[in-house]
Amino acid sequence: MHRRAAPFMVLLALAGVSAGACKKKIGDSCSISTDCSTTGDRQCDISEASGYCTQINCDPNGCPDNALCIGFEAHAPRLERRYCMSGCTTDSDCRTPDYHCAHPDNRTCVNSANDTGLLPPGQTCNVLVDTVALSPGYCAPVAP
């Protein structure tokens, strides 16, 4: 090999390694949090089918990659947990068959809980926290 070719080959190899290290998007599959981000700004929710790259405790309008900040269990502020979820319009925008395009509830669901803070059977309260969201829905796990 020529002496000039050696540095070129090293640069080419490094470019290939860095291309494979791209950060996964919100909603991508994962096994551990470093699959989603080596900088720690995204976590892997392994409780979901094939894992789910997300950001926990998201701020309104603070999710990347066409993702939405969704407040789960929003009917009880002390129980609400916020996660960045992949945005979608139809089920085909999600990782099917394990995920479907769900639509967040209106903020009115917060007021539908009774005095105990419990919702009526079968009702959820997952609200959109963002005010500038471009997607009407988010990729949610299909209920078993």
C-alpha atoms as a PDB file:
ATOM      1  CA  MET A   1       0.000   0.000   0.000  1.00  0.00           C
ATOM      2  CA  HIS A   2       1.260   3.484  -0.735  1.00  0.00           C
ATOM      3  CA  ARG A   3       2.255   5.704   2.167  1.00  0.00           C
ATOM      4  CA  ARG A   4      -0.273   8.325   1.113  1.00  0.00           C
ATOM      5  CA  ALA A   5      -3.079   5.794   0.981  1.00  0.00           C
ATOM      6  CA  ALA A   6      -2.697   4.771   4.652  1.00  0.00           C
ATOM      7  CA  PRO A   7      -4.010   8.070   6.161  1.00  0.00           C
ATOM      8  CA  PHE A   8      -6.863   8.052   3.663  1.00  0.00           C
ATOM      9  CA  MET A   9      -7.853   4.527   4.699  1.00  0.00           C
ATOM     10  CA  VAL A  10      -7.805   5.531   8.384  1.00  0.00           C
ATOM     11  CA  LEU A  11     -10.064   8.509   7.680  1.00  0.00           C
ATOM     12  CA  LEU A  12     -12.408   6.326   5.654  1.00  0.00           C
ATOM     13  CA  ALA A  13     -12.615   3.782   8.485  1.00  0.00           C
ATOM     14  CA  LEU A  14     -13.345   6.520  11.055  1.00  0.00           C
ATOM     15  CA  ALA A  15     -16.058   7.974   8.840  1.00  0.00           C
ATOM     16  CA  GLY A  16     -17.707   4.563   8.648  1.00  0.00           C
ATOM     17  CA  VAL A  17     -17.627   4.140  12.436  1.00  0.00           C
ATOM     18  CA  SER A  18     -19.071   7.599  13.105  1.00  0.00           C
ATOM     19  CA  ALA A  19     -21.848   7.070  10.539  1.00  0.00           C
ATOM     20  CA  GLY A  20     -22.973   3.992  12.451  1.00  0.00           C
ATOM     21  CA  ALA A  21     -23.018   5.924  15.720  1.00  0.00           C
ATOM     22  CA  CYS A  22     -25.895   8.212  14.742  1.00  0.00           C
ATOM     23  CA  LYS A  23     -28.417   8.896  17.474  1.00  0.00           C
ATOM     24  CA  LYS A  24     -31.664   6.975  17.172  1.00  0.00           C
ATOM     25  CA  LYS A  25     -34.937   8.838  16.895  1.00  0.00           C
ATOM     26  CA  ILE A  26     -37.667   8.972  19.502  1.00  0.00           C
ATOM     27  CA  GLY A  27     -39.751   5.803  19.126  1.00  0.00           C
ATOM     28  CA  ASP A  28     -36.953   3.650  17.673  1.00  0.00           C
ATOM     29  CA  SER A  29     -36.306   0.187  19.097  1.00  0.00           C
ATOM     30  CA  CYS A  30     -33.587  -0.305  21.707  1.00  0.00           C
ATOM     31  CA  SER A  31     -32.222  -2.702  24.310  1.00  0.00           C
ATOM     32  CA  ILE A  32     -30.323  -0.269  26.539  1.00  0.00           C
ATOM     33  CA  SER A  33     -30.261   3.527  26.843  1.00  0.00           C
ATOM     34  CA  THR A  34     -26.934   3.859  25.031  1.00  0.00           C
ATOM     35  CA  ASP A  35     -28.704   2.420  21.968  1.00  0.00           C
ATOM     36  CA  CYS A  36     -30.714   5.666  21.931  1.00  0.00           C
ATOM     37  CA  SER A  37     -27.941   8.105  22.841  1.00  0.00           C
ATOM     38  CA  THR A  38     -24.390   7.867  24.099  1.00  0.00           C
ATOM     39  CA  THR A  39     -24.725  11.346  25.645  1.00  0.00           C
ATOM     40  CA  GLY A  40     -27.542  10.315  28.012  1.00  0.00           C
ATOM     41  CA  ASP A  41     -30.179  12.673  26.636  1.00  0.00           C
ATOM     42  CA  ARG A  42     -32.444   9.778  25.566  1.00  0.00           C
ATOM     43  CA  GLN A  43     -33.431   6.659  27.454  1.00  0.00           C
ATOM     44  CA  CYS A  44     -34.606   3.209  26.446  1.00  0.00           C
ATOM     45  CA  ASP A  45     -37.945   2.209  27.924  1.00  0.00           C
ATOM     46  CA  ILE A  46     -37.470  -1.550  27.987  1.00  0.00           C
ATOM     47  CA  SER A  47     -40.982  -2.096  29.369  1.00  0.00           C
ATOM     48  CA  GLU A  48     -42.298  -1.519  25.832  1.00  0.00           C
ATOM     49  CA  ALA A  49     -42.164  -4.020  22.949  1.00  0.00           C
ATOM     50  CA  SER A  50     -38.624  -4.110  21.477  1.00  0.00           C
ATOM     51  CA  GLY A  51     -37.785  -1.078  23.627  1.00  0.00           C
ATOM     52  CA  TYR A  52     -38.742   2.545  22.926  1.00  0.00           C
ATOM     53  CA  CYS A  53     -36.271   5.426  22.706  1.00  0.00           C
ATOM     54  CA  THR A  54     -37.677   8.390  24.624  1.00  0.00           C
ATOM     55  CA  GLN A  55     -36.892  11.395  26.771  1.00  0.00           C
ATOM     56  CA  ILE A  56     -38.324  11.285  30.265  1.00  0.00           C
ATOM     57  CA  ASN A  57     -39.781  14.363  31.996  1.00  0.00           C
ATOM     58  CA  CYS A  58     -39.949  16.325  28.749  1.00  0.00           C
ATOM     59  CA  ASP A  59     -40.652  20.025  28.717  1.00  0.00           C
ATOM     60  CA  PRO A  60     -43.457  21.474  26.592  1.00  0.00           C
ATOM     61  CA  ASN A  61     -42.253  21.782  22.999  1.00  0.00           C
ATOM     62  CA  GLY A  62     -38.940  20.230  24.072  1.00  0.00           C
ATOM     63  CA  CYS A  63     -38.982  16.953  22.141  1.00  0.00           C
ATOM     64  CA  PRO A  64     -36.790  16.401  19.057  1.00  0.00           C
ATOM     65  CA  ASP A  65     -37.339  14.561  15.779  1.00  0.00           C
ATOM     66  CA  ASN A  66     -41.018  15.302  15.166  1.00  0.00           C
ATOM     67  CA  ALA A  67     -41.824  13.864  18.607  1.00  0.00           C
ATOM     68  CA  LEU A  68     -44.534  15.021  21.008  1.00  0.00           C
ATOM     69  CA  CYS A  69     -44.376  15.563  24.764  1.00  0.00           C
ATOM     70  CA  ILE A  70     -47.240  13.516  26.205  1.00  0.00           C
ATOM     71  CA  GLY A  71     -48.399  13.712  29.825  1.00  0.00           C
ATOM     72  CA  PHE A  72     -49.564  10.275  30.981  1.00  0.00           C
ATOM     73  CA  GLU A  73     -51.981  10.008  33.938  1.00  0.00           C
ATOM     74  CA  ALA A  74     -52.568  13.754  33.603  1.00  0.00           C
ATOM     75  CA  HIS A  75     -55.811  13.579  35.592  1.00  0.00           C
ATOM     76  CA  ALA A  76     -53.743  13.535  38.799  1.00  0.00           C
ATOM     77  CA  PRO A  77     -50.871  16.040  38.687  1.00  0.00           C
ATOM     78  CA  ARG A  78     -48.845  14.144  41.293  1.00  0.00           C
ATOM     79  CA  LEU A  79     -49.021  11.008  39.126  1.00  0.00           C
ATOM     80  CA  GLU A  80     -48.439  12.651  35.741  1.00  0.00           C
ATOM     81  CA  ARG A  81     -45.311  11.502  33.893  1.00  0.00           C
ATOM     82  CA  ARG A  82     -44.135  13.141  30.695  1.00  0.00           C
ATOM     83  CA  TYR A  83     -42.428  11.289  27.856  1.00  0.00           C
ATOM     84  CA  CYS A  84     -41.357  12.240  24.341  1.00  0.00           C
ATOM     85  CA  MET A  85     -43.296  10.007  21.967  1.00  0.00           C
ATOM     86  CA  SER A  86     -42.844   9.569  18.219  1.00  0.00           C
ATOM     87  CA  GLY A  87     -45.322  11.660  16.242  1.00  0.00           C
ATOM     88  CA  CYS A  88     -47.676  10.036  13.726  1.00  0.00           C
ATOM     89  CA  THR A  89     -50.701  10.540  11.531  1.00  0.00           C
ATOM     90  CA  THR A  90     -51.616   6.899  10.817  1.00  0.00           C
ATOM     91  CA  ASP A  91     -50.703   3.474  12.228  1.00  0.00           C
ATOM     92  CA  SER A  92     -48.276   2.923   9.342  1.00  0.00           C
ATOM     93  CA  ASP A  93     -46.108   5.760  10.717  1.00  0.00           C
ATOM     94  CA  CYS A  94     -45.359   3.562  13.757  1.00  0.00           C
ATOM     95  CA  ARG A  95     -43.484   0.302  14.295  1.00  0.00           C
ATOM     96  CA  THR A  96     -46.358  -2.071  13.555  1.00  0.00           C
ATOM     97  CA  PRO A  97     -47.728  -4.472  14.725  1.00  0.00           C
ATOM     98  CA  ASP A  98     -46.560  -3.562  18.256  1.00  0.00           C
ATOM     99  CA  TYR A  99     -47.427   0.148  18.035  1.00  0.00           C
ATOM    100  CA  HIS A 100     -50.345   2.181  16.695  1.00  0.00           C
ATOM    101  CA  CYS A 101     -51.089   5.868  16.221  1.00  0.00           C
ATOM    102  CA  ALA A 102     -52.939   7.056  19.328  1.00  0.00           C
ATOM    103  CA  HIS A 103     -54.457  10.481  19.735  1.00  0.00           C
ATOM    104  CA  PRO A 104     -53.988  12.360  22.996  1.00  0.00           C
ATOM    105  CA  ASP A 105     -57.000  13.304  25.052  1.00  0.00           C
ATOM    106  CA  ASN A 106     -58.148  16.860  25.531  1.00  0.00           C
ATOM    107  CA  ARG A 107     -57.239  18.648  28.733  1.00  0.00           C
ATOM    108  CA  THR A 108     -60.882  18.129  29.752  1.00  0.00           C
ATOM    109  CA  CYS A 109     -59.995  14.583  30.770  1.00  0.00           C
ATOM    110  CA  VAL A 110     -58.191  16.114  33.770  1.00  0.00           C
ATOM    111  CA  ASN A 111     -61.547  17.209  35.155  1.00  0.00           C
ATOM    112  CA  SER A 112     -63.307  13.895  34.530  1.00  0.00           C
ATOM    113  CA  ALA A 113     -61.844  12.122  37.561  1.00  0.00           C
ATOM    114  CA  ASN A 114     -64.129  11.680  40.545  1.00  0.00           C
ATOM    115  CA  ASP A 115     -63.356  12.837  44.109  1.00  0.00           C
ATOM    116  CA  THR A 116     -60.920   9.950  44.623  1.00  0.00           C
ATOM    117  CA  GLY A 117     -58.857  11.044  41.620  1.00  0.00           C
ATOM    118  CA  LEU A 118     -59.812   7.873  39.731  1.00  0.00           C
ATOM    119  CA  LEU A 119     -61.076   7.901  36.172  1.00  0.00           C
ATOM    120  CA  PRO A 120     -64.137   5.952  35.056  1.00  0.00           C
ATOM    121  CA  PRO A 121     -63.323   2.378  33.968  1.00  0.00           C
ATOM    122  CA  GLY A 122     -61.660   2.213  30.562  1.00  0.00           C
ATOM    123  CA  GLN A 123     -60.841   5.933  30.426  1.00  0.00           C
ATOM    124  CA  THR A 124     -57.261   7.148  30.118  1.00  0.00           C
ATOM    125  CA  CYS A 125     -55.899  10.626  30.435  1.00  0.00           C
ATOM    126  CA  ASN A 126     -52.878  11.041  28.187  1.00  0.00           C
ATOM    127  CA  VAL A 127     -52.648  14.674  27.146  1.00  0.00           C
ATOM    128  CA  LEU A 128     -50.566  16.591  24.648  1.00  0.00           C
ATOM    129  CA  VAL A 129     -48.206  18.912  26.508  1.00  0.00           C
ATOM    130  CA  ASP A 130     -46.854  20.642  23.393  1.00  0.00           C
ATOM    131  CA  THR A 131     -48.444  23.752  21.952  1.00  0.00           C
ATOM    132  CA  VAL A 132     -46.736  23.635  18.544  1.00  0.00           C
ATOM    133  CA  ALA A 133     -47.040  19.906  17.785  1.00  0.00           C
ATOM    134  CA  LEU A 134     -47.193  19.133  14.078  1.00  0.00           C
ATOM    135  CA  SER A 135     -48.434  15.552  14.429  1.00  0.00           C
ATOM    136  CA  PRO A 136     -51.995  14.782  15.498  1.00  0.00           C
ATOM    137  CA  GLY A 137     -51.011  11.559  17.269  1.00  0.00           C
ATOM    138  CA  TYR A 138     -48.191   9.578  18.871  1.00  0.00           C
ATOM    139  CA  CYS A 139     -46.907   6.022  18.480  1.00  0.00           C
ATOM    140  CA  ALA A 140     -48.194   4.109  21.476  1.00  0.00           C
ATOM    141  CA  PRO A 141     -47.946   0.415  22.338  1.00  0.00           C
ATOM    142  CA  VAL A 142     -50.863  -1.712  21.248  1.00  0.00           C
ATOM    143  CA  ALA A 143     -52.689  -2.867  24.365  1.00  0.00           C
ATOM    144  CA  PRO A 144     -52.371  -6.620  24.956  1.00  0.00           C
END
